[in-house]
C-alpha atoms as a PDB file:
ATOM      1  CA  MET A   1       8.452  27.891   8.947  1.00  0.00           C
ATOM      2  CA  SER A   2       5.320  25.821   9.590  1.00  0.00           C
ATOM      3  CA  LYS A   3       3.213  28.461   7.803  1.00  0.00           C
ATOM      4  CA  HIS A   4       5.055  27.568   4.600  1.00  0.00           C
ATOM      5  CA  PHE A   5       4.373  23.845   5.025  1.00  0.00           C
ATOM      6  CA  PHE A   6       1.709  23.457   2.332  1.00  0.00           C
ATOM      7  CA  GLY A   7       3.533  25.556  -0.235  1.00  0.00           C
ATOM      8  CA  ASP A   8       6.851  23.809   0.407  1.00  0.00           C
ATOM      9  CA  THR A   9       5.196  20.393   0.255  1.00  0.00           C
ATOM     10  CA  ALA A  10       3.530  21.262  -3.058  1.00  0.00           C
ATOM     11  CA  VAL A  11       6.857  22.361  -4.589  1.00  0.00           C
ATOM     12  CA  LEU A  12       8.687  19.243  -3.399  1.00  0.00           C
ATOM     13  CA  LEU A  13       5.769  17.052  -4.462  1.00  0.00           C
ATOM     14  CA  GLY A  14       6.099  18.474  -7.960  1.00  0.00           C
ATOM     15  CA  ARG A  15       9.800  17.590  -7.921  1.00  0.00           C
ATOM     16  CA  SER A  16       9.102  14.007  -6.866  1.00  0.00           C
ATOM     17  CA  LEU A  17       6.291  13.572  -9.389  1.00  0.00           C
ATOM     18  CA  ARG A  18       8.581  14.777 -12.189  1.00  0.00           C
ATOM     19  CA  HIS A  19      11.012  12.034 -11.211  1.00  0.00           C
ATOM     20  CA  ILE A  20       8.168   9.525 -11.408  1.00  0.00           C
ATOM     21  CA  THR A  21       7.083  10.697 -14.875  1.00  0.00           C
ATOM     22  CA  ARG A  22      10.666  10.357 -16.090  1.00  0.00           C
ATOM     23  CA  SER A  23      10.666   6.734 -14.963  1.00  0.00           C
ATOM     24  CA  ALA A  24       7.085   5.663 -15.635  1.00  0.00           C
ATOM     25  CA  ASP A  25       8.377   2.101 -15.923  1.00  0.00           C
ATOM     26  CA  THR A  26       8.574   2.146 -12.114  1.00  0.00           C
ATOM     27  CA  ILE A  27       4.794   2.206 -11.846  1.00  0.00           C
ATOM     28  CA  VAL A  28       4.437  -0.470 -14.518  1.00  0.00           C
ATOM     29  CA  THR A  29       7.034  -2.662 -12.805  1.00  0.00           C
ATOM     30  CA  THR A  30       5.240  -2.242  -9.483  1.00  0.00           C
ATOM     31  CA  ALA A  31       1.990  -3.479 -11.029  1.00  0.00           C
ATOM     32  CA  ILE A  32       3.545  -6.383 -12.948  1.00  0.00           C
ATOM     33  CA  MET A  33       4.014  -8.737  -9.993  1.00  0.00           C
ATOM     34  CA  PRO A  34       0.446  -8.354  -8.638  1.00  0.00           C
ATOM     35  CA  ILE A  35      -0.953  -8.766 -12.150  1.00  0.00           C
ATOM     36  CA  ALA A  36       1.161 -11.897 -12.672  1.00  0.00           C
ATOM     37  CA  MET A  37      -0.130 -13.289  -9.367  1.00  0.00           C
ATOM     38  CA  LEU A  38      -3.699 -12.420 -10.352  1.00  0.00           C
ATOM     39  CA  LEU A  39      -3.309 -14.270 -13.654  1.00  0.00           C
ATOM     40  CA  MET A  40      -1.620 -17.275 -12.065  1.00  0.00           C
ATOM     41  CA  PHE A  41      -4.057 -17.753  -9.196  1.00  0.00           C
ATOM     42  CA  VAL A  42      -7.174 -17.215 -11.314  1.00  0.00           C
ATOM     43  CA  TYR A  43      -6.194 -19.338 -14.313  1.00  0.00           C
ATOM     44  CA  VAL A  44      -3.933 -21.951 -12.687  1.00  0.00           C
ATOM     45  CA  PHE A  45      -5.205 -22.428  -9.137  1.00  0.00           C
ATOM     46  CA  GLY A  46      -8.637 -20.832  -9.278  1.00  0.00           C
ATOM     47  CA  GLY A  47     -10.425 -23.963 -10.418  1.00  0.00           C
ATOM     48  CA  ALA A  48      -9.147 -25.901  -7.410  1.00  0.00           C
ATOM     49  CA  ILE A  49     -10.181 -23.332  -4.798  1.00  0.00           C
ATOM     50  CA  ASN A  50     -13.762 -23.328  -3.565  1.00  0.00           C
ATOM     51  CA  THR A  51     -15.066 -19.868  -2.710  1.00  0.00           C
ATOM     52  CA  GLY A  52     -18.751 -20.711  -2.971  1.00  0.00           C
ATOM     53  CA  SER A  53     -20.823 -19.111  -5.707  1.00  0.00           C
ATOM     54  CA  GLU A  54     -18.477 -16.125  -6.064  1.00  0.00           C
ATOM     55  CA  SER A  55     -16.073 -16.122  -9.021  1.00  0.00           C
ATOM     56  CA  TYR A  56     -12.463 -16.485  -7.946  1.00  0.00           C
ATOM     57  CA  VAL A  57     -11.296 -13.256  -9.605  1.00  0.00           C
ATOM     58  CA  ASN A  58     -13.887 -11.358  -7.541  1.00  0.00           C
ATOM     59  CA  TYR A  59     -12.750 -13.160  -4.408  1.00  0.00           C
ATOM     60  CA  LEU A  60      -9.053 -12.618  -5.112  1.00  0.00           C
ATOM     61  CA  LEU A  61      -8.904  -8.980  -6.211  1.00  0.00           C
ATOM     62  CA  PRO A  62      -9.018  -7.310  -2.744  1.00  0.00           C
ATOM     63  CA  GLY A  63      -5.931  -9.236  -1.633  1.00  0.00           C
ATOM     64  CA  ILE A  64      -4.114  -8.472  -4.886  1.00  0.00           C
ATOM     65  CA  LEU A  65      -4.799  -4.768  -4.383  1.00  0.00           C
ATOM     66  CA  LEU A  66      -3.117  -4.892  -0.967  1.00  0.00           C
ATOM     67  CA  ILE A  67      -0.135  -6.734  -2.464  1.00  0.00           C
ATOM     68  CA  THR A  68       0.076  -4.003  -5.120  1.00  0.00           C
ATOM     69  CA  VAL A  69       0.461  -1.386  -2.408  1.00  0.00           C
ATOM     70  CA  ALA A  70       2.963  -3.499  -0.448  1.00  0.00           C
ATOM     71  CA  SER A  71       5.157  -3.950  -3.516  1.00  0.00           C
ATOM     72  CA  GLY A  72       4.838  -0.276  -4.462  1.00  0.00           C
ATOM     73  CA  ILE A  73       6.118   1.108  -1.183  1.00  0.00           C
ATOM     74  CA  ALA A  74       9.445  -0.670  -1.710  1.00  0.00           C
ATOM     75  CA  TYR A  75      10.145   2.030  -4.310  1.00  0.00           C
ATOM     76  CA  THR A  76       9.245   4.690  -1.760  1.00  0.00           C
ATOM     77  CA  ALA A  77      11.919   3.420   0.619  1.00  0.00           C
ATOM     78  CA  PHE A  78      14.307   3.171  -2.327  1.00  0.00           C
ATOM     79  CA  ARG A  79      13.719   6.813  -3.322  1.00  0.00           C
ATOM     80  CA  PHE A  80      14.156   7.964   0.276  1.00  0.00           C
ATOM     81  CA  PHE A  81      17.444   6.084   0.496  1.00  0.00           C
ATOM     82  CA  LEU A  82      18.751   7.616  -2.736  1.00  0.00           C
ATOM     83  CA  ASP A  83      17.885  11.116  -1.542  1.00  0.00           C
ATOM     84  CA  MET A  84      19.631  10.478   1.763  1.00  0.00           C
ATOM     85  CA  ARG A  85      22.748   9.178   0.018  1.00  0.00           C
ATOM     86  CA  SER A  86      22.823  12.012  -2.518  1.00  0.00           C
ATOM     87  CA  GLY A  87      22.891  14.651   0.204  1.00  0.00           C
ATOM     88  CA  ILE A  88      19.750  16.380  -1.057  1.00  0.00           C
ATOM     89  CA  PHE A  89      18.219  16.216   2.435  1.00  0.00           C
ATOM     90  CA  GLU A  90      21.130  18.229   3.827  1.00  0.00           C
ATOM     91  CA  ARG A  91      20.688  20.788   1.075  1.00  0.00           C
ATOM     92  CA  PHE A  92      16.985  21.083   1.878  1.00  0.00           C
ATOM     93  CA  GLN A  93      17.784  21.631   5.561  1.00  0.00           C
ATOM     94  CA  SER A  94      19.975  24.615   4.645  1.00  0.00           C
ATOM     95  CA  MET A  95      17.013  26.222   2.870  1.00  0.00           C
ATOM     96  CA  PRO A  96      14.124  28.130   4.526  1.00  0.00           C
ATOM     97  CA  ILE A  97      11.549  25.366   4.094  1.00  0.00           C
ATOM     98  CA  ALA A  98       9.370  23.401   6.504  1.00  0.00           C
ATOM     99  CA  ARG A  99      11.378  20.336   7.498  1.00  0.00           C
ATOM    100  CA  SER A 100       8.474  17.883   7.488  1.00  0.00           C
ATOM    101  CA  SER A 101       7.505  18.937   3.948  1.00  0.00           C
ATOM    102  CA  VAL A 102      10.405  16.849   2.630  1.00  0.00           C
ATOM    103  CA  LEU A 103       8.857  13.699   4.075  1.00  0.00           C
ATOM    104  CA  TRP A 104       5.293  14.561   3.112  1.00  0.00           C
ATOM    105  CA  ALA A 105       6.305  15.197  -0.501  1.00  0.00           C
ATOM    106  CA  HIS A 106       7.703  11.660  -0.744  1.00  0.00           C
ATOM    107  CA  VAL A 107       4.681  10.196   1.029  1.00  0.00           C
ATOM    108  CA  LEU A 108       2.199  11.923  -1.286  1.00  0.00           C
ATOM    109  CA  THR A 109       4.248  10.878  -4.321  1.00  0.00           C
ATOM    110  CA  SER A 110       3.999   7.288  -3.101  1.00  0.00           C
ATOM    111  CA  LEU A 111       0.245   7.701  -2.715  1.00  0.00           C
ATOM    112  CA  VAL A 112      -0.152   8.984  -6.303  1.00  0.00           C
ATOM    113  CA  ALA A 113       2.087   6.271  -7.777  1.00  0.00           C
ATOM    114  CA  ASN A 114       0.325   3.496  -5.860  1.00  0.00           C
ATOM    115  CA  LEU A 115      -3.130   4.752  -6.827  1.00  0.00           C
ATOM    116  CA  ILE A 116      -2.103   4.625 -10.503  1.00  0.00           C
ATOM    117  CA  SER A 117      -0.836   1.053 -10.024  1.00  0.00           C
ATOM    118  CA  LEU A 118      -4.101   0.102  -8.301  1.00  0.00           C
ATOM    119  CA  VAL A 119      -6.132   1.474 -11.222  1.00  0.00           C
ATOM    120  CA  VAL A 120      -4.005  -0.565 -13.655  1.00  0.00           C
ATOM    121  CA  VAL A 121      -4.596  -3.753 -11.622  1.00  0.00           C
ATOM    122  CA  VAL A 122      -8.357  -3.132 -11.440  1.00  0.00           C
ATOM    123  CA  LEU A 123      -8.503  -2.599 -15.228  1.00  0.00           C
ATOM    124  CA  VAL A 124      -6.712  -5.913 -15.789  1.00  0.00           C
ATOM    125  CA  ALA A 125      -9.114  -7.614 -13.366  1.00  0.00           C
ATOM    126  CA  LEU A 126     -12.069  -6.200 -15.332  1.00  0.00           C
ATOM    127  CA  LEU A 127     -10.630  -7.711 -18.502  1.00  0.00           C
ATOM    128  CA  MET A 128     -10.392 -11.038 -16.639  1.00  0.00           C
ATOM    129  CA  GLY A 129     -14.057 -10.950 -15.669  1.00  0.00           C
ATOM    130  CA  PHE A 130     -14.109  -9.042 -12.393  1.00  0.00           C
ATOM    131  CA  ARG A 131     -17.496  -7.466 -11.788  1.00  0.00           C
ATOM    132  CA  SER A 132     -18.724  -5.393  -8.866  1.00  0.00           C
ATOM    133  CA  ALA A 133     -22.243  -4.550  -7.783  1.00  0.00           C
ATOM    134  CA  ALA A 134     -20.948  -1.605  -5.743  1.00  0.00           C
ATOM    135  CA  GLY A 135     -22.316   1.846  -6.445  1.00  0.00           C
ATOM    136  CA  VAL A 136     -20.480   5.138  -6.148  1.00  0.00           C
ATOM    137  CA  PRO A 137     -20.559   5.137  -2.300  1.00  0.00           C
ATOM    138  CA  GLY A 138     -19.131   1.616  -2.246  1.00  0.00           C
ATOM    139  CA  TRP A 139     -16.299   2.499  -4.613  1.00  0.00           C
ATOM    140  CA  LEU A 140     -15.548   5.645  -2.613  1.00  0.00           C
ATOM    141  CA  ALA A 141     -15.368   3.549   0.565  1.00  0.00           C
ATOM    142  CA  VAL A 142     -12.995   1.122  -1.170  1.00  0.00           C
ATOM    143  CA  ALA A 143     -10.840   4.049  -2.317  1.00  0.00           C
ATOM    144  CA  GLY A 144     -10.814   5.502   1.195  1.00  0.00           C
ATOM    145  CA  ILE A 145      -9.635   2.249   2.776  1.00  0.00           C
ATOM    146  CA  LEU A 146      -6.929   1.783   0.126  1.00  0.00           C
ATOM    147  CA  ILE A 147      -5.717   5.356   0.599  1.00  0.00           C
ATOM    148  CA  LEU A 148      -5.487   4.867   4.371  1.00  0.00           C
ATOM    149  CA  PHE A 149      -3.706   1.534   3.877  1.00  0.00           C
ATOM    150  CA  THR A 150      -1.261   3.113   1.410  1.00  0.00           C
ATOM    151  CA  LEU A 151      -0.488   6.005   3.746  1.00  0.00           C
ATOM    152  CA  ALA A 152       0.054   3.616   6.663  1.00  0.00           C
ATOM    153  CA  LEU A 153       2.491   1.417   4.731  1.00  0.00           C
ATOM    154  CA  THR A 154       4.222   4.417   3.165  1.00  0.00           C
ATOM    155  CA  TRP A 155       5.055   5.868   6.572  1.00  0.00           C
ATOM    156  CA  ILE A 156       6.439   2.443   7.500  1.00  0.00           C
ATOM    157  CA  ALA A 157       8.573   2.640   4.331  1.00  0.00           C
ATOM    158  CA  VAL A 158       9.976   6.002   5.422  1.00  0.00           C
ATOM    159  CA  ILE A 159      11.752   4.358   8.376  1.00  0.00           C
ATOM    160  CA  PRO A 160      14.009   1.932   6.425  1.00  0.00           C
ATOM    161  CA  GLY A 161      14.393   4.533   3.692  1.00  0.00           C
ATOM    162  CA  LEU A 162      15.977   6.886   6.230  1.00  0.00           C
ATOM    163  CA  SER A 163      17.922   4.352   8.284  1.00  0.00           C
ATOM    164  CA  ALA A 164      19.012   1.586   5.872  1.00  0.00           C
ATOM    165  CA  LYS A 165      22.698   1.077   5.129  1.00  0.00           C
ATOM    166  CA  SER A 166      22.201  -0.249   1.586  1.00  0.00           C
ATOM    167  CA  VAL A 167      19.752  -0.116  -1.307  1.00  0.00           C
ATOM    168  CA  GLU A 168      18.818  -3.733  -0.701  1.00  0.00           C
ATOM    169  CA  GLY A 169      18.112  -3.058   2.967  1.00  0.00           C
ATOM    170  CA  ALA A 170      15.920  -0.086   2.107  1.00  0.00           C
ATOM    171  CA  SER A 171      13.586  -2.076  -0.126  1.00  0.00           C
ATOM    172  CA  ALA A 172      13.794  -5.593   1.363  1.00  0.00           C
ATOM    173  CA  PHE A 173      11.576  -4.653   4.318  1.00  0.00           C
ATOM    174  CA  SER A 174       8.507  -4.907   2.056  1.00  0.00           C
ATOM    175  CA  CYS A 175       8.939  -8.684   1.586  1.00  0.00           C
ATOM    176  CA  PRO A 176       7.118  -9.622   4.840  1.00  0.00           C
ATOM    177  CA  LEU A 177       4.343  -7.169   3.961  1.00  0.00           C
ATOM    178  CA  ILE A 178       3.909  -8.791   0.541  1.00  0.00           C
ATOM    179  CA  PHE A 179       3.864 -12.235   2.172  1.00  0.00           C
ATOM    180  CA  LEU A 180       1.305 -11.330   4.881  1.00  0.00           C
ATOM    181  CA  PRO A 181      -1.779 -11.557   2.575  1.00  0.00           C
ATOM    182  CA  PHE A 182      -0.948 -15.224   1.952  1.00  0.00           C
ATOM    183  CA  LEU A 183      -1.643 -15.827   5.658  1.00  0.00           C
ATOM    184  CA  SER A 184      -5.078 -14.235   5.512  1.00  0.00           C
ATOM    185  CA  SER A 185      -8.433 -14.624   3.789  1.00  0.00           C
ATOM    186  CA  ALA A 186      -7.025 -13.018   0.617  1.00  0.00           C
ATOM    187  CA  PHE A 187      -6.510 -16.266  -1.313  1.00  0.00           C
ATOM    188  CA  VAL A 188      -8.579 -18.906   0.488  1.00  0.00           C
ATOM    189  CA  PRO A 189     -11.268 -18.868   3.204  1.00  0.00           C
ATOM    190  CA  THR A 190      -9.682 -18.980   6.642  1.00  0.00           C
ATOM    191  CA  ASP A 191     -11.922 -21.855   7.737  1.00  0.00           C
ATOM    192  CA  THR A 192      -9.866 -24.168   5.501  1.00  0.00           C
ATOM    193  CA  MET A 193      -6.692 -23.463   7.502  1.00  0.00           C
ATOM    194  CA  PRO A 194      -5.337 -25.548  10.403  1.00  0.00           C
ATOM    195  CA  GLY A 195      -6.042 -24.312  13.942  1.00  0.00           C
ATOM    196  CA  PRO A 196      -3.093 -22.066  14.925  1.00  0.00           C
ATOM    197  CA  LEU A 197      -2.739 -20.621  11.427  1.00  0.00           C
ATOM    198  CA  ARG A 198      -6.470 -19.942  11.276  1.00  0.00           C
ATOM    199  CA  VAL A 199      -6.344 -18.034  14.575  1.00  0.00           C
ATOM    200  CA  PHE A 200      -3.481 -15.893  13.280  1.00  0.00           C
ATOM    201  CA  ALA A 201      -5.131 -15.331   9.885  1.00  0.00           C
ATOM    202  CA  GLU A 202      -8.436 -14.257  11.374  1.00  0.00           C
ATOM    203  CA  ASN A 203      -6.835 -11.763  13.752  1.00  0.00           C
ATOM    204  CA  GLN A 204      -4.242 -10.043  11.582  1.00  0.00           C
ATOM    205  CA  PRO A 205      -4.979  -6.724   9.821  1.00  0.00           C
ATOM    206  CA  VAL A 206      -4.985  -7.973   6.229  1.00  0.00           C
ATOM    207  CA  THR A 207      -7.946 -10.288   6.773  1.00  0.00           C
ATOM    208  CA  SER A 208     -10.249  -7.571   8.117  1.00  0.00           C
ATOM    209  CA  ILE A 209      -9.210  -5.167   5.324  1.00  0.00           C
ATOM    210  CA  VAL A 210      -9.697  -7.814   2.625  1.00  0.00           C
ATOM    211  CA  ASN A 211     -13.079  -8.834   4.036  1.00  0.00           C
ATOM    212  CA  ALA A 212     -14.236  -5.211   4.184  1.00  0.00           C
ATOM    213  CA  LEU A 213     -13.165  -4.566   0.580  1.00  0.00           C
ATOM    214  CA  ARG A 214     -14.797  -7.802  -0.577  1.00  0.00           C
ATOM    215  CA  ASP A 215     -18.093  -6.935   1.106  1.00  0.00           C
ATOM    216  CA  LEU A 216     -18.031  -3.423  -0.354  1.00  0.00           C
ATOM    217  CA  PHE A 217     -17.399  -4.759  -3.853  1.00  0.00           C
ATOM    218  CA  THR A 218     -20.336  -7.157  -3.563  1.00  0.00           C
ATOM    219  CA  GLN A 219     -22.637  -4.745  -1.693  1.00  0.00           C
ATOM    220  CA  GLN A 220     -22.855  -7.120   1.242  1.00  0.00           C
ATOM    221  CA  PRO A 221     -23.309  -5.884   4.835  1.00  0.00           C
ATOM    222  CA  VAL A 222     -19.790  -5.105   6.034  1.00  0.00           C
ATOM    223  CA  GLY A 223     -20.542  -5.646   9.714  1.00  0.00           C
ATOM    224  CA  THR A 224     -17.632  -5.004  12.065  1.00  0.00           C
ATOM    225  CA  ASP A 225     -14.931  -5.770   9.482  1.00  0.00           C
ATOM    226  CA  ILE A 226     -14.865  -2.237   8.107  1.00  0.00           C
ATOM    227  CA  TRP A 227     -14.413  -0.716  11.568  1.00  0.00           C
ATOM    228  CA  ILE A 228     -11.675  -3.197  12.449  1.00  0.00           C
ATOM    229  CA  ALA A 229     -10.007  -2.472   9.093  1.00  0.00           C
ATOM    230  CA  LEU A 230     -10.151   1.284   9.687  1.00  0.00           C
ATOM    231  CA  ALA A 231      -8.830   0.855  13.235  1.00  0.00           C
ATOM    232  CA  TRP A 232      -5.861  -1.175  11.952  1.00  0.00           C
ATOM    233  CA  CYS A 233      -5.081   1.328   9.186  1.00  0.00           C
ATOM    234  CA  VAL A 234      -5.345   4.392  11.430  1.00  0.00           C
ATOM    235  CA  GLY A 235      -3.426   2.720  14.267  1.00  0.00           C
ATOM    236  CA  ILE A 236      -0.569   1.613  11.989  1.00  0.00           C
ATOM    237  CA  LEU A 237      -0.524   5.062  10.377  1.00  0.00           C
ATOM    238  CA  ILE A 238      -0.212   6.882  13.711  1.00  0.00           C
ATOM    239  CA  VAL A 239       2.516   4.597  15.069  1.00  0.00           C
ATOM    240  CA  ALA A 240       4.486   4.546  11.792  1.00  0.00           C
ATOM    241  CA  TYR A 241       4.240   8.343  11.475  1.00  0.00           C
ATOM    242  CA  ALA A 242       5.569   8.821  15.008  1.00  0.00           C
ATOM    243  CA  PHE A 243       8.512   6.471  14.465  1.00  0.00           C
ATOM    244  CA  ALA A 244       9.278   7.933  11.020  1.00  0.00           C
ATOM    245  CA  MET A 245       9.316  11.513  12.309  1.00  0.00           C
ATOM    246  CA  ASN A 246      11.512  10.496  15.237  1.00  0.00           C
ATOM    247  CA  THR A 247      13.942   8.772  12.837  1.00  0.00           C
ATOM    248  CA  TYR A 248      13.959  11.837  10.587  1.00  0.00           C
ATOM    249  CA  ARG A 249      14.680  14.225  13.470  1.00  0.00           C
ATOM    250  CA  ARG A 250      17.606  12.066  14.605  1.00  0.00           C
ATOM    251  CA  LYS A 251      18.968  11.988  11.048  1.00  0.00           C
ATOM    252  CA  ILE A 252      18.923  15.741  10.558  1.00  0.00           C
ATOM    253  CA  SER A 253      19.959  16.725  14.089  1.00  0.00           C
END
């Protein structure tokens, strides 16, 4: 059935996207928390945080974009869980369709929904004074990193979505992912942190991704950060995909 993979995925993607359009408030809700954090940190704490000559909204936005994705994938796990509970997966398995297309349809739906949320957050940031010197190549590079990051986290979301015992368990896994940017260079420079925390912050994936996005937005030389960021995203994606597919095979066997 592998030859039908793309056609089956397209049909199931259309089904998932129709569900999203019927509950557009999901996308809005996903973007609300990052926007609220953007407003709070810029207008309440921004004046107390020294980021050099760069405006704080410019400094903050890359981290907020990653938080947007982390909060969005909670809905991906939630939708997976509902489909598992409703028995729709069993119905799909009785049909002549490529088995992996069921997962890929959900993953691509998550990608579309998160990209819409990211655009909403960027538009709000522009209204708040965010400005970028990046040209088209820079914006394309930013989009590429965010797409890779979204795919990596979405495949992580597949695992609790398939294996959770409750709705709360399916979506609660995203809480540590939302918290991780706070222990990085997303909100403050890492050189202001105490020793052990600074070591952790400088060597976790969010910091390299945030730094790469920040350099791309400002047209600064990205150095090794972009390669480290890509390595983290691709590595997480490969491992999460392998675990998710293994979980899926055990569920349907």
